[in-house]
Every structure is written in structure tokens, then in C-alpha cells.
Amino acid sequence: MAKMEQWDIALEEKTKELKTCQQEKGLKSCLGCEEMNNCNIRDSYVKAVYESMSKGVGGGFEF
């Protein structure tokens, strides 16, 4: 098995964090959460996804 890169490890951690939050709130996604637009957990997850895809290379992003 190939060594996991730091971005993939960070993404796994943030995914677990996000899923735990969703389970605690009884949700299947963030869309039904009233805190979605101001959520540090979700923001960290989105950032980890982007960094995993870009492997740390590239500019920032905004939605």
C-alpha cells in the first residue's frame, strides 16, 4: 500500500469530523443544518478536499 500523503490524511480526518457532526445532528448532509454557512467544520472539510485535489499546489479558492 502506498504511503498516504499529508493531504489525504488531513482529508480523512476532516471527513470523519464532518460525518460525526452530521450524525450528532441527525443529518445525512450539511444542507439541512442551520449552521451550514458559518460552520468551521464544513469550511475545514472543503479546504481539505481542495488541498487533497491540488496536493498543496495552486492558488486559493472562493465560492
Protein backbone atom coordinates (compact mmCIF):
# COMPACT_ATOMS: atom_id res chain seq x y z
CA MET A 1 0.00 0.00 0.00
CA ALA A 2 1.35 3.40 -0.95
CA LYS A 3 2.19 5.89 1.76
CA MET A 4 -0.66 8.31 2.31
CA GLU A 5 0.21 11.89 1.57
CA GLN A 6 -0.36 14.56 4.19
CA TRP A 7 -3.31 15.97 2.23
CA ASP A 8 -5.04 12.60 2.10
CA ILE A 9 -4.53 12.09 5.83
CA ALA A 10 -5.93 15.56 6.55
CA LEU A 11 -8.90 14.84 4.28
CA GLU A 12 -9.66 11.59 6.10
CA GLU A 13 -9.56 13.37 9.46
CA LYS A 14 -11.82 16.19 8.28
CA THR A 15 -14.24 13.72 6.68
CA LYS A 16 -14.57 11.84 9.97
CA GLU A 17 -15.11 15.12 11.82
CA LEU A 18 -17.81 16.20 9.37
CA LYS A 19 -19.63 12.85 9.44
CA THR A 20 -19.56 12.80 13.23
CA CYS A 21 -21.15 16.25 13.32
CA GLN A 22 -23.83 15.20 10.82
CA GLN A 23 -24.62 12.06 12.84
CA GLU A 24 -24.83 14.01 16.09
CA LYS A 25 -27.35 16.34 14.46
CA GLY A 26 -29.28 13.51 12.77
CA LEU A 27 -28.45 14.76 9.28
CA LYS A 28 -27.24 12.99 6.14
CA SER A 29 -25.61 16.14 4.73
CA CYS A 30 -24.84 19.70 5.73
CA LEU A 31 -27.65 21.09 3.60
CA GLY A 32 -30.25 20.73 6.34
CA CYS A 33 -28.09 22.31 9.02
CA GLU A 34 -28.86 25.84 10.13
CA GLU A 35 -25.14 26.46 10.77
CA MET A 36 -24.01 25.43 7.27
CA ASN A 37 -22.96 28.89 6.10
CA ASN A 38 -20.97 29.64 9.26
CA CYS A 39 -19.56 26.21 10.06
CA ASN A 40 -15.86 25.81 10.85
CA ILE A 41 -16.06 22.02 10.49
CA ARG A 42 -17.53 22.26 6.99
CA ASP A 43 -15.11 25.02 5.97
CA SER A 44 -12.16 22.90 7.13
CA TYR A 45 -13.52 19.91 5.21
CA VAL A 46 -13.94 21.90 1.99
CA LYS A 47 -10.40 23.25 2.35
CA ALA A 48 -9.05 19.72 2.94
CA VAL A 49 -10.85 18.47 -0.21
CA TYR A 50 -9.33 21.25 -2.29
CA GLU A 51 -5.84 20.69 -0.87
CA SER A 52 -6.13 16.94 -1.45
CA MET A 53 -7.09 17.54 -5.08
CA SER A 54 -4.35 20.10 -5.69
CA LYS A 55 -1.74 18.37 -3.47
CA GLY A 56 -0.94 21.75 -1.97
CA VAL A 57 -0.08 23.34 -5.31
CA GLY A 58 -2.17 26.19 -6.66
CA GLY A 59 -3.94 29.29 -5.53
CA GLY A 60 -6.73 29.78 -3.10
CA PHE A 61 -10.36 29.41 -3.88
CA GLU A 62 -13.66 31.02 -3.02
CA PHE A 63 -17.25 30.03 -3.61
